[in-house]
């Protein structure tokens, strides 16, 4: 049995990954936490075979946490980074699981751990530092975004934006039903927004999950969400993105 420890600042994520690991019959989850500081203390006193570690956490990132471990175990990062940024992982000895975690991908990560035969990954802290630099360059998270129309520029607080939508060859940030043109594509926004708060629900739409009030079937057999804004905006969810949205909403 692989003795594992799970660290993620979202409790639902910890619970789901713990369940998935246990259900494989190959893993004993000996501990878990939503506090990376607690994880440092626990892991320095209780060595494990594998550490399933979130990257983006308040206080300490997953990379920071590894720097504080006397003897890091085999590491599998869990991340919501956009797929293009994961090329950095492919070139390293550190494995990763892209959220929402698929059971089939988890099995492959466990196979890799077992192939290592309990040996520690070579120079894991150096690898983590290289990954932090590579991902940091690509994933500077947006907190404000500019909307320029003519000579006027409006600076929008990303926390107030309910969703982004591509329409008529333009991209709009929407704040309480009001459209603001922004100079980024949906794909670029998906890579730059905080993946814990925003999720892509359609090829042309990204929504801030905190503003989702309802999720219900559409008359055409699809799925719609209604937002917590004054216009009670309705957005269509692509069929292949329904599962991910439900996972992000904890339903």
C-alpha atoms as a PDB file:
ATOM      1  CA  UNK A   1       0.000   0.000   0.000  1.00  0.00           C
ATOM      2  CA  UNK A   2       1.164   3.511  -0.836  1.00  0.00           C
ATOM      3  CA  UNK A   3       1.120   5.709   2.273  1.00  0.00           C
ATOM      4  CA  UNK A   4      -0.110   9.111   1.102  1.00  0.00           C
ATOM      5  CA  UNK A   5      -0.780  12.598   2.449  1.00  0.00           C
ATOM      6  CA  UNK A   6      -3.181  15.067   0.768  1.00  0.00           C
ATOM      7  CA  UNK A   7      -2.868  18.871   0.913  1.00  0.00           C
ATOM      8  CA  UNK A   8      -5.374  21.253  -0.698  1.00  0.00           C
ATOM      9  CA  UNK A   9      -6.822  24.502   0.669  1.00  0.00           C
ATOM     10  CA  UNK A  10     -10.306  23.489  -0.537  1.00  0.00           C
ATOM     11  CA  UNK A  11     -11.902  20.975   1.848  1.00  0.00           C
ATOM     12  CA  UNK A  12     -14.133  19.477  -0.852  1.00  0.00           C
ATOM     13  CA  UNK A  13     -11.060  18.843  -3.004  1.00  0.00           C
ATOM     14  CA  UNK A  14      -9.340  17.061  -0.097  1.00  0.00           C
ATOM     15  CA  UNK A  15     -12.399  14.906   0.530  1.00  0.00           C
ATOM     16  CA  UNK A  16     -12.830  13.979  -3.138  1.00  0.00           C
ATOM     17  CA  UNK A  17      -9.182  13.084  -3.713  1.00  0.00           C
ATOM     18  CA  UNK A  18      -9.049  11.105  -0.463  1.00  0.00           C
ATOM     19  CA  UNK A  19     -12.092   9.138  -1.621  1.00  0.00           C
ATOM     20  CA  UNK A  20     -10.626   8.509  -5.079  1.00  0.00           C
ATOM     21  CA  UNK A  21      -7.324   7.331  -3.608  1.00  0.00           C
ATOM     22  CA  UNK A  22      -9.026   5.024  -1.111  1.00  0.00           C
ATOM     23  CA  UNK A  23     -11.278   3.533  -3.771  1.00  0.00           C
ATOM     24  CA  UNK A  24      -8.256   2.369  -5.789  1.00  0.00           C
ATOM     25  CA  UNK A  25      -7.423  -0.110  -3.035  1.00  0.00           C
ATOM     26  CA  UNK A  26      -3.760   0.792  -3.510  1.00  0.00           C
ATOM     27  CA  UNK A  27      -3.438   3.771  -1.182  1.00  0.00           C
ATOM     28  CA  UNK A  28      -3.675   4.395   2.543  1.00  0.00           C
ATOM     29  CA  UNK A  29      -4.290   8.106   3.155  1.00  0.00           C
ATOM     30  CA  UNK A  30      -2.487   8.587   6.476  1.00  0.00           C
ATOM     31  CA  UNK A  31      -3.258  12.296   6.720  1.00  0.00           C
ATOM     32  CA  UNK A  32      -4.716  15.333   5.010  1.00  0.00           C
ATOM     33  CA  UNK A  33      -5.160  19.033   5.635  1.00  0.00           C
ATOM     34  CA  UNK A  34      -6.358  22.305   4.119  1.00  0.00           C
ATOM     35  CA  UNK A  35      -3.576  24.209   5.949  1.00  0.00           C
ATOM     36  CA  UNK A  36      -0.145  23.985   4.276  1.00  0.00           C
ATOM     37  CA  UNK A  37       1.525  25.057   7.519  1.00  0.00           C
ATOM     38  CA  UNK A  38       0.047  22.061   9.339  1.00  0.00           C
ATOM     39  CA  UNK A  39       1.247  19.838   6.494  1.00  0.00           C
ATOM     40  CA  UNK A  40       4.849  20.974   6.984  1.00  0.00           C
ATOM     41  CA  UNK A  41       4.742  19.973  10.648  1.00  0.00           C
ATOM     42  CA  UNK A  42       3.037  16.634   9.974  1.00  0.00           C
ATOM     43  CA  UNK A  43       5.277  15.608   7.082  1.00  0.00           C
ATOM     44  CA  UNK A  44       8.488  16.471   8.906  1.00  0.00           C
ATOM     45  CA  UNK A  45       7.409  14.141  11.721  1.00  0.00           C
ATOM     46  CA  UNK A  46       5.692  11.420   9.697  1.00  0.00           C
ATOM     47  CA  UNK A  47       7.390  10.433   6.418  1.00  0.00           C
ATOM     48  CA  UNK A  48       5.064   9.168   3.675  1.00  0.00           C
ATOM     49  CA  UNK A  49       5.521   7.501   0.291  1.00  0.00           C
ATOM     50  CA  UNK A  50       3.645  10.108  -1.716  1.00  0.00           C
ATOM     51  CA  UNK A  51       2.422  13.665  -1.275  1.00  0.00           C
ATOM     52  CA  UNK A  52      -0.593  14.875  -3.284  1.00  0.00           C
ATOM     53  CA  UNK A  53      -0.106  18.621  -3.184  1.00  0.00           C
ATOM     54  CA  UNK A  54      -2.126  21.591  -4.446  1.00  0.00           C
ATOM     55  CA  UNK A  55      -0.091  24.398  -6.013  1.00  0.00           C
ATOM     56  CA  UNK A  56      -2.177  27.528  -5.468  1.00  0.00           C
ATOM     57  CA  UNK A  57      -2.822  27.958  -1.742  1.00  0.00           C
ATOM     58  CA  UNK A  58      -2.923  31.038   0.495  1.00  0.00           C
ATOM     59  CA  UNK A  59       0.015  31.533   2.841  1.00  0.00           C
ATOM     60  CA  UNK A  60       2.255  28.830   1.386  1.00  0.00           C
ATOM     61  CA  UNK A  61       2.120  27.612  -2.194  1.00  0.00           C
ATOM     62  CA  UNK A  62       2.812  23.966  -2.902  1.00  0.00           C
ATOM     63  CA  UNK A  63       6.308  24.973  -4.017  1.00  0.00           C
ATOM     64  CA  UNK A  64       6.902  26.898  -0.771  1.00  0.00           C
ATOM     65  CA  UNK A  65       5.756  23.893   1.253  1.00  0.00           C
ATOM     66  CA  UNK A  66       8.320  21.610  -0.378  1.00  0.00           C
ATOM     67  CA  UNK A  67      11.114  24.019   0.527  1.00  0.00           C
ATOM     68  CA  UNK A  68      10.275  23.468   4.206  1.00  0.00           C
ATOM     69  CA  UNK A  69      10.372  19.665   4.158  1.00  0.00           C
ATOM     70  CA  UNK A  70      13.537  17.964   5.419  1.00  0.00           C
ATOM     71  CA  UNK A  71      13.057  14.999   3.091  1.00  0.00           C
ATOM     72  CA  UNK A  72      10.333  15.471   0.459  1.00  0.00           C
ATOM     73  CA  UNK A  73       8.544  12.278  -0.645  1.00  0.00           C
ATOM     74  CA  UNK A  74       7.394  11.504  -4.173  1.00  0.00           C
ATOM     75  CA  UNK A  75       5.248  14.491  -5.167  1.00  0.00           C
ATOM     76  CA  UNK A  76       2.128  14.562  -7.314  1.00  0.00           C
ATOM     77  CA  UNK A  77       0.883  18.107  -7.789  1.00  0.00           C
ATOM     78  CA  UNK A  78      -2.856  18.697  -8.130  1.00  0.00           C
ATOM     79  CA  UNK A  79      -3.513  21.778 -10.200  1.00  0.00           C
ATOM     80  CA  UNK A  80      -6.119  23.734 -12.110  1.00  0.00           C
ATOM     81  CA  UNK A  81      -3.532  25.336 -14.392  1.00  0.00           C
ATOM     82  CA  UNK A  82      -4.475  25.552 -18.042  1.00  0.00           C
ATOM     83  CA  UNK A  83      -3.178  22.580 -20.041  1.00  0.00           C
ATOM     84  CA  UNK A  84      -0.664  24.614 -22.084  1.00  0.00           C
ATOM     85  CA  UNK A  85       1.220  25.584 -18.921  1.00  0.00           C
ATOM     86  CA  UNK A  86       1.622  21.932 -17.952  1.00  0.00           C
ATOM     87  CA  UNK A  87       4.390  21.455 -20.500  1.00  0.00           C
ATOM     88  CA  UNK A  88       6.729  22.416 -17.663  1.00  0.00           C
ATOM     89  CA  UNK A  89       5.608  19.349 -15.726  1.00  0.00           C
ATOM     90  CA  UNK A  90       6.052  17.056 -18.704  1.00  0.00           C
ATOM     91  CA  UNK A  91       9.747  17.920 -18.779  1.00  0.00           C
ATOM     92  CA  UNK A  92      10.311  17.143 -15.079  1.00  0.00           C
ATOM     93  CA  UNK A  93      10.287  14.139 -12.785  1.00  0.00           C
ATOM     94  CA  UNK A  94       7.332  15.550 -10.842  1.00  0.00           C
ATOM     95  CA  UNK A  95       3.917  14.196 -11.760  1.00  0.00           C
ATOM     96  CA  UNK A  96       0.679  16.188 -11.783  1.00  0.00           C
ATOM     97  CA  UNK A  97      -3.086  15.711 -11.809  1.00  0.00           C
ATOM     98  CA  UNK A  98      -5.220  18.281 -13.581  1.00  0.00           C
ATOM     99  CA  UNK A  99      -8.367  19.293 -11.698  1.00  0.00           C
ATOM    100  CA  UNK A 100     -11.050  18.035 -11.771  1.00  0.00           C
ATOM    101  CA  UNK A 101      -9.110  14.815 -11.225  1.00  0.00           C
ATOM    102  CA  UNK A 102     -10.123  11.889 -13.402  1.00  0.00           C
ATOM    103  CA  UNK A 103      -9.853   8.377 -11.878  1.00  0.00           C
ATOM    104  CA  UNK A 104      -8.046   7.038 -14.966  1.00  0.00           C
ATOM    105  CA  UNK A 105      -5.345   9.725 -14.706  1.00  0.00           C
ATOM    106  CA  UNK A 106      -5.001   9.040 -10.989  1.00  0.00           C
ATOM    107  CA  UNK A 107      -4.294   5.374 -11.722  1.00  0.00           C
ATOM    108  CA  UNK A 108      -1.435   6.366 -14.035  1.00  0.00           C
ATOM    109  CA  UNK A 109       0.048   8.572 -11.310  1.00  0.00           C
ATOM    110  CA  UNK A 110      -0.084   5.661  -8.858  1.00  0.00           C
ATOM    111  CA  UNK A 111       1.625   3.427 -11.422  1.00  0.00           C
ATOM    112  CA  UNK A 112       4.440   5.973 -11.643  1.00  0.00           C
ATOM    113  CA  UNK A 113       4.799   6.098  -7.850  1.00  0.00           C
ATOM    114  CA  UNK A 114       5.031   2.318  -7.677  1.00  0.00           C
ATOM    115  CA  UNK A 115       7.621   2.224 -10.458  1.00  0.00           C
ATOM    116  CA  UNK A 116       9.812   4.490  -8.344  1.00  0.00           C
ATOM    117  CA  UNK A 117       9.774   1.727  -5.743  1.00  0.00           C
ATOM    118  CA  UNK A 118       9.569   4.133  -2.813  1.00  0.00           C
ATOM    119  CA  UNK A 119      12.707   6.038  -3.891  1.00  0.00           C
ATOM    120  CA  UNK A 120      12.589   9.801  -3.531  1.00  0.00           C
ATOM    121  CA  UNK A 121      12.458  11.864  -6.678  1.00  0.00           C
ATOM    122  CA  UNK A 122      15.864  13.346  -7.544  1.00  0.00           C
ATOM    123  CA  UNK A 123      16.381  16.859  -6.180  1.00  0.00           C
ATOM    124  CA  UNK A 124      12.652  17.498  -5.860  1.00  0.00           C
ATOM    125  CA  UNK A 125      13.068  20.992  -4.392  1.00  0.00           C
ATOM    126  CA  UNK A 126      15.165  22.156  -7.356  1.00  0.00           C
ATOM    127  CA  UNK A 127      12.590  20.745  -9.753  1.00  0.00           C
ATOM    128  CA  UNK A 128       9.823  22.519  -7.840  1.00  0.00           C
ATOM    129  CA  UNK A 129      11.678  25.835  -8.025  1.00  0.00           C
ATOM    130  CA  UNK A 130      12.063  25.443 -11.785  1.00  0.00           C
ATOM    131  CA  UNK A 131       8.357  24.673 -12.117  1.00  0.00           C
ATOM    132  CA  UNK A 132       7.419  27.666  -9.968  1.00  0.00           C
ATOM    133  CA  UNK A 133       9.395  29.947 -12.263  1.00  0.00           C
ATOM    134  CA  UNK A 134       7.996  28.407 -15.449  1.00  0.00           C
ATOM    135  CA  UNK A 135       4.396  28.491 -14.288  1.00  0.00           C
ATOM    136  CA  UNK A 136       4.738  31.898 -12.682  1.00  0.00           C
ATOM    137  CA  UNK A 137       5.841  33.381 -15.997  1.00  0.00           C
ATOM    138  CA  UNK A 138       2.804  31.932 -17.755  1.00  0.00           C
ATOM    139  CA  UNK A 139       0.184  32.254 -15.059  1.00  0.00           C
ATOM    140  CA  UNK A 140       0.288  35.739 -13.565  1.00  0.00           C
ATOM    141  CA  UNK A 141      -3.219  35.754 -12.065  1.00  0.00           C
ATOM    142  CA  UNK A 142      -5.345  38.749 -13.020  1.00  0.00           C
ATOM    143  CA  UNK A 143      -6.798  40.855 -10.221  1.00  0.00           C
ATOM    144  CA  UNK A 144      -7.707  43.860 -12.414  1.00  0.00           C
ATOM    145  CA  UNK A 145      -8.352  44.192 -16.117  1.00  0.00           C
ATOM    146  CA  UNK A 146      -8.582  47.266 -18.357  1.00  0.00           C
ATOM    147  CA  UNK A 147     -11.446  48.049 -20.709  1.00  0.00           C
ATOM    148  CA  UNK A 148     -10.554  50.710 -23.261  1.00  0.00           C
ATOM    149  CA  UNK A 149     -13.146  52.396 -25.472  1.00  0.00           C
ATOM    150  CA  UNK A 150     -11.862  55.342 -27.502  1.00  0.00           C
ATOM    151  CA  UNK A 151      -9.859  57.591 -25.204  1.00  0.00           C
ATOM    152  CA  UNK A 152     -11.492  56.264 -22.025  1.00  0.00           C
ATOM    153  CA  UNK A 153     -10.006  53.366 -20.035  1.00  0.00           C
ATOM    154  CA  UNK A 154     -11.996  51.700 -17.250  1.00  0.00           C
ATOM    155  CA  UNK A 155     -10.120  49.504 -14.762  1.00  0.00           C
ATOM    156  CA  UNK A 156     -12.307  46.597 -13.625  1.00  0.00           C
ATOM    157  CA  UNK A 157     -11.898  44.654 -10.396  1.00  0.00           C
ATOM    158  CA  UNK A 158     -11.894  41.007 -11.503  1.00  0.00           C
ATOM    159  CA  UNK A 159     -13.687  39.996  -8.284  1.00  0.00           C
ATOM    160  CA  UNK A 160     -16.771  41.938  -9.477  1.00  0.00           C
ATOM    161  CA  UNK A 161     -16.897  40.358 -12.948  1.00  0.00           C
ATOM    162  CA  UNK A 162     -19.663  37.742 -13.186  1.00  0.00           C
ATOM    163  CA  UNK A 163     -18.494  36.292 -16.496  1.00  0.00           C
ATOM    164  CA  UNK A 164     -16.557  36.804 -19.704  1.00  0.00           C
ATOM    165  CA  UNK A 165     -18.108  36.174 -23.101  1.00  0.00           C
ATOM    166  CA  UNK A 166     -16.828  36.230 -26.683  1.00  0.00           C
ATOM    167  CA  UNK A 167     -19.274  37.756 -29.138  1.00  0.00           C
ATOM    168  CA  UNK A 168     -19.007  39.405 -32.579  1.00  0.00           C
ATOM    169  CA  UNK A 169     -15.211  38.914 -32.649  1.00  0.00           C
ATOM    170  CA  UNK A 170     -14.843  40.797 -29.334  1.00  0.00           C
ATOM    171  CA  UNK A 171     -14.426  39.676 -25.720  1.00  0.00           C
ATOM    172  CA  UNK A 172     -16.495  41.283 -22.977  1.00  0.00           C
ATOM    173  CA  UNK A 173     -16.133  41.330 -19.205  1.00  0.00           C
ATOM    174  CA  UNK A 174     -19.599  41.568 -17.684  1.00  0.00           C
ATOM    175  CA  UNK A 175     -20.238  43.387 -14.404  1.00  0.00           C
ATOM    176  CA  UNK A 176     -23.837  43.235 -13.154  1.00  0.00           C
ATOM    177  CA  UNK A 177     -25.158  42.888 -16.691  1.00  0.00           C
ATOM    178  CA  UNK A 178     -23.014  45.631 -18.220  1.00  0.00           C
ATOM    179  CA  UNK A 179     -20.556  44.690 -20.987  1.00  0.00           C
ATOM    180  CA  UNK A 180     -16.971  45.998 -21.028  1.00  0.00           C
ATOM    181  CA  UNK A 181     -14.705  45.264 -23.991  1.00  0.00           C
ATOM    182  CA  UNK A 182     -11.363  43.710 -22.986  1.00  0.00           C
ATOM    183  CA  UNK A 183      -8.292  43.043 -25.094  1.00  0.00           C
ATOM    184  CA  UNK A 184      -7.857  39.335 -24.265  1.00  0.00           C
ATOM    185  CA  UNK A 185      -9.281  36.226 -25.869  1.00  0.00           C
ATOM    186  CA  UNK A 186     -11.283  33.657 -23.923  1.00  0.00           C
ATOM    187  CA  UNK A 187      -8.311  31.266 -24.116  1.00  0.00           C
ATOM    188  CA  UNK A 188      -5.930  33.923 -22.780  1.00  0.00           C
ATOM    189  CA  UNK A 189      -8.346  34.752 -19.967  1.00  0.00           C
ATOM    190  CA  UNK A 190      -8.692  31.076 -19.047  1.00  0.00           C
ATOM    191  CA  UNK A 191      -4.915  30.920 -18.610  1.00  0.00           C
ATOM    192  CA  UNK A 192      -4.678  34.148 -16.594  1.00  0.00           C
ATOM    193  CA  UNK A 193      -7.695  33.997 -14.271  1.00  0.00           C
ATOM    194  CA  UNK A 194      -7.695  32.316 -10.853  1.00  0.00           C
ATOM    195  CA  UNK A 195      -8.832  28.791 -11.739  1.00  0.00           C
ATOM    196  CA  UNK A 196     -10.323  28.325  -8.270  1.00  0.00           C
ATOM    197  CA  UNK A 197     -12.806  31.137  -8.959  1.00  0.00           C
ATOM    198  CA  UNK A 198     -13.388  31.048 -12.705  1.00  0.00           C
ATOM    199  CA  UNK A 199     -14.280  28.118 -14.946  1.00  0.00           C
ATOM    200  CA  UNK A 200     -14.916  27.869 -18.673  1.00  0.00           C
ATOM    201  CA  UNK A 201     -18.436  26.611 -19.323  1.00  0.00           C
ATOM    202  CA  UNK A 202     -18.540  27.070 -23.098  1.00  0.00           C
ATOM    203  CA  UNK A 203     -16.042  27.763 -25.879  1.00  0.00           C
ATOM    204  CA  UNK A 204     -17.183  31.412 -25.675  1.00  0.00           C
ATOM    205  CA  UNK A 205     -17.912  31.797 -21.946  1.00  0.00           C
ATOM    206  CA  UNK A 206     -16.046  31.840 -18.630  1.00  0.00           C
ATOM    207  CA  UNK A 207     -18.051  32.263 -15.430  1.00  0.00           C
ATOM    208  CA  UNK A 208     -17.070  33.203 -11.893  1.00  0.00           C
ATOM    209  CA  UNK A 209     -18.555  30.308  -9.935  1.00  0.00           C
ATOM    210  CA  UNK A 210     -19.346  32.443  -6.873  1.00  0.00           C
ATOM    211  CA  UNK A 211     -21.992  34.206  -8.994  1.00  0.00           C
ATOM    212  CA  UNK A 212     -23.776  31.011 -10.063  1.00  0.00           C
ATOM    213  CA  UNK A 213     -27.169  30.906  -8.338  1.00  0.00           C
ATOM    214  CA  UNK A 214     -28.952  28.075 -10.162  1.00  0.00           C
ATOM    215  CA  UNK A 215     -28.157  25.262 -12.557  1.00  0.00           C
ATOM    216  CA  UNK A 216     -31.042  23.640 -14.435  1.00  0.00           C
ATOM    217  CA  UNK A 217     -31.996  21.793 -17.646  1.00  0.00           C
ATOM    218  CA  UNK A 218     -32.707  23.810 -20.780  1.00  0.00           C
ATOM    219  CA  UNK A 219     -35.664  23.051 -23.042  1.00  0.00           C
ATOM    220  CA  UNK A 220     -33.326  21.732 -25.742  1.00  0.00           C
ATOM    221  CA  UNK A 221     -31.872  19.150 -23.386  1.00  0.00           C
ATOM    222  CA  UNK A 222     -28.801  21.193 -22.497  1.00  0.00           C
ATOM    223  CA  UNK A 223     -27.918  22.902 -19.229  1.00  0.00           C
ATOM    224  CA  UNK A 224     -28.254  26.546 -18.188  1.00  0.00           C
ATOM    225  CA  UNK A 225     -26.975  28.532 -15.207  1.00  0.00           C
ATOM    226  CA  UNK A 226     -28.604  31.638 -13.754  1.00  0.00           C
ATOM    227  CA  UNK A 227     -26.333  34.227 -12.170  1.00  0.00           C
ATOM    228  CA  UNK A 228     -26.658  36.333  -9.017  1.00  0.00           C
ATOM    229  CA  UNK A 229     -26.805  39.656 -10.860  1.00  0.00           C
ATOM    230  CA  UNK A 230     -29.575  42.187 -11.359  1.00  0.00           C
ATOM    231  CA  UNK A 231     -30.513  40.964 -14.884  1.00  0.00           C
ATOM    232  CA  UNK A 232     -30.571  37.312 -13.627  1.00  0.00           C
ATOM    233  CA  UNK A 233     -28.329  36.433 -16.574  1.00  0.00           C
ATOM    234  CA  UNK A 234     -28.721  32.961 -18.074  1.00  0.00           C
ATOM    235  CA  UNK A 235     -25.711  31.231 -19.634  1.00  0.00           C
ATOM    236  CA  UNK A 236     -25.505  28.019 -21.616  1.00  0.00           C
ATOM    237  CA  UNK A 237     -23.165  25.256 -20.411  1.00  0.00           C
ATOM    238  CA  UNK A 238     -21.530  23.030 -23.036  1.00  0.00           C
ATOM    239  CA  UNK A 239     -22.357  19.366 -22.517  1.00  0.00           C
ATOM    240  CA  UNK A 240     -18.696  18.399 -22.132  1.00  0.00           C
ATOM    241  CA  UNK A 241     -18.207  21.031 -19.415  1.00  0.00           C
ATOM    242  CA  UNK A 242     -21.185  20.215 -17.188  1.00  0.00           C
ATOM    243  CA  UNK A 243     -19.266  17.688 -15.089  1.00  0.00           C
ATOM    244  CA  UNK A 244     -16.399  20.090 -14.381  1.00  0.00           C
ATOM    245  CA  UNK A 245     -18.792  22.899 -13.423  1.00  0.00           C
ATOM    246  CA  UNK A 246     -20.642  20.614 -11.003  1.00  0.00           C
ATOM    247  CA  UNK A 247     -17.341  19.635  -9.425  1.00  0.00           C
ATOM    248  CA  UNK A 248     -16.366  23.295  -9.004  1.00  0.00           C
ATOM    249  CA  UNK A 249     -19.753  24.027  -7.436  1.00  0.00           C
ATOM    250  CA  UNK A 250     -19.479  21.020  -5.132  1.00  0.00           C
ATOM    251  CA  UNK A 251     -22.610  19.323  -6.461  1.00  0.00           C
END
